[in-house]
Every structure is written in structure tokens, then in C-alpha cells.
Protein backbone atom coordinates (compact mmCIF):
# COMPACT_ATOMS: atom_id res chain seq x y z
CA UNK A 1 0.00 0.00 0.00
CA UNK A 2 2.93 2.31 0.57
CA UNK A 3 3.54 2.80 -3.16
CA UNK A 4 -0.13 3.77 -3.65
CA UNK A 5 0.06 6.21 -0.73
CA UNK A 6 3.22 7.83 -2.11
CA UNK A 7 1.77 8.09 -5.63
CA UNK A 8 -1.45 9.60 -4.23
CA UNK A 9 0.55 12.16 -2.24
CA UNK A 10 2.70 13.06 -5.28
CA UNK A 11 -0.36 13.64 -7.47
CA UNK A 12 -2.24 15.55 -4.77
CA UNK A 13 0.66 17.89 -3.97
CA UNK A 14 2.13 18.43 -7.43
CA UNK A 15 2.72 22.06 -8.40
CA UNK A 16 0.39 21.67 -11.40
CA UNK A 17 -2.61 21.41 -9.04
CA UNK A 18 -2.39 25.20 -8.63
CA UNK A 19 -3.28 25.60 -12.31
CA UNK A 20 -6.97 24.74 -12.74
CA UNK A 21 -6.46 24.12 -16.46
CA UNK A 22 -3.60 21.63 -16.00
CA UNK A 23 -4.43 17.96 -15.66
CA UNK A 24 -0.86 16.84 -15.22
CA UNK A 25 2.71 17.86 -15.88
CA UNK A 26 6.15 16.32 -16.40
CA UNK A 27 6.65 16.22 -12.64
CA UNK A 28 3.68 13.94 -11.95
CA UNK A 29 2.25 11.99 -14.92
CA UNK A 30 3.67 13.18 -18.24
CA UNK A 31 6.78 11.72 -19.87
CA UNK A 32 8.31 12.66 -23.19
CA UNK A 33 7.87 9.04 -24.24
CA UNK A 34 4.08 9.23 -23.77
CA UNK A 35 3.48 12.50 -25.61
CA UNK A 36 1.50 10.69 -28.34
CA UNK A 37 -1.01 9.52 -25.71
CA UNK A 38 -1.25 12.81 -23.81
CA UNK A 39 -5.02 13.15 -24.33
CA UNK A 40 -5.47 9.81 -22.52
CA UNK A 41 -3.34 10.78 -19.50
CA UNK A 42 -5.01 12.54 -16.58
CA UNK A 43 -3.67 13.42 -13.15
CA UNK A 44 -7.25 13.82 -11.92
CA UNK A 45 -8.27 10.36 -13.13
CA UNK A 46 -5.15 8.77 -11.65
CA UNK A 47 -5.80 10.54 -8.36
CA UNK A 48 -9.40 9.30 -8.35
CA UNK A 49 -8.34 5.71 -8.98
CA UNK A 50 -5.66 5.84 -6.29
CA UNK A 51 -8.14 7.41 -3.86
CA UNK A 52 -10.52 4.50 -4.40
CA UNK A 53 -7.77 1.92 -3.89
CA UNK A 54 -6.72 3.60 -0.65
CA UNK A 55 -10.32 4.04 0.51
CA UNK A 56 -10.93 0.31 0.11
CA UNK A 57 -7.57 -0.92 1.36
CA UNK A 58 -9.24 -2.77 4.24
CA UNK A 59 -11.05 -5.01 1.75
CA UNK A 60 -7.98 -5.88 -0.30
CA UNK A 61 -6.27 -9.22 0.17
CA UNK A 62 -2.71 -9.96 -0.89
CA UNK A 63 -2.15 -12.47 -3.70
CA UNK A 64 1.13 -13.97 -4.88
CA UNK A 65 0.27 -13.38 -8.54
CA UNK A 66 -2.53 -11.59 -10.38
CA UNK A 67 -3.77 -14.85 -11.84
CA UNK A 68 -4.36 -16.03 -8.25
CA UNK A 69 -6.87 -13.23 -7.69
CA UNK A 70 -10.56 -14.19 -7.96
CA UNK A 71 -12.04 -13.15 -11.29
CA UNK A 72 -15.33 -12.02 -9.77
CA UNK A 73 -13.89 -8.98 -7.97
CA UNK A 74 -15.52 -5.59 -8.60
CA UNK A 75 -12.20 -3.99 -9.56
CA UNK A 76 -13.37 -3.26 -13.07
CA UNK A 77 -16.52 -1.65 -11.75
CA UNK A 78 -14.55 0.60 -9.39
CA UNK A 79 -12.20 1.66 -12.16
CA UNK A 80 -15.12 2.46 -14.42
CA UNK A 81 -16.78 4.56 -11.74
CA UNK A 82 -13.57 6.50 -11.15
CA UNK A 83 -13.22 7.20 -14.86
CA UNK A 84 -16.79 8.48 -14.95
CA UNK A 85 -16.14 10.59 -11.84
CA UNK A 86 -18.64 8.90 -9.51
CA UNK A 87 -17.76 7.63 -6.08
CA UNK A 88 -17.80 3.96 -5.19
CA UNK A 89 -20.45 2.78 -2.71
């Protein structure tokens, strides 16, 4: 969880948050190598997804590998809600 907490903090406190028109910068989410996909990259969306992960950390269970995770988890639903901007229940 520590990596999620650190990423959340970095996105929340980035200098670009002071510019209401900016949805990211080279300090937080942009890289020169991803300039072709810039319209798909959003600090706000990433922050929303990380917020949901951290909000539900008590429900998460460690797995050795992703294929060991149950396939009936609502992870896809949570991600979709974050992308649409609605809060998870």
C-alpha cells in the first residue's frame, strides 16, 4: 500500500494542481515518451483511482500473482466509476 500512498501524495501535492487548467505535468504523470497519448493521460483520473484503492484498502487481500486473484472482484466496476467521476459505494 505504501507505493499507492506515495503516488497519491505526489499527485495531490504536485505544483500543477495550482493551475486549474492543467491535468498533469512532467513532474507527476507526463513523460516525453508518452506525448503521443497525452489526451489519454489525466492526473485527476489517476488521483481518483488511487483514492478509491486507498479508501478500500481494508477489503484488499494480498495475492502472490494476479492470476491467483478471484475473477469475480468488482475492480473493473470501481475503475469504471472513477473514470466516470462517480464515487464507489
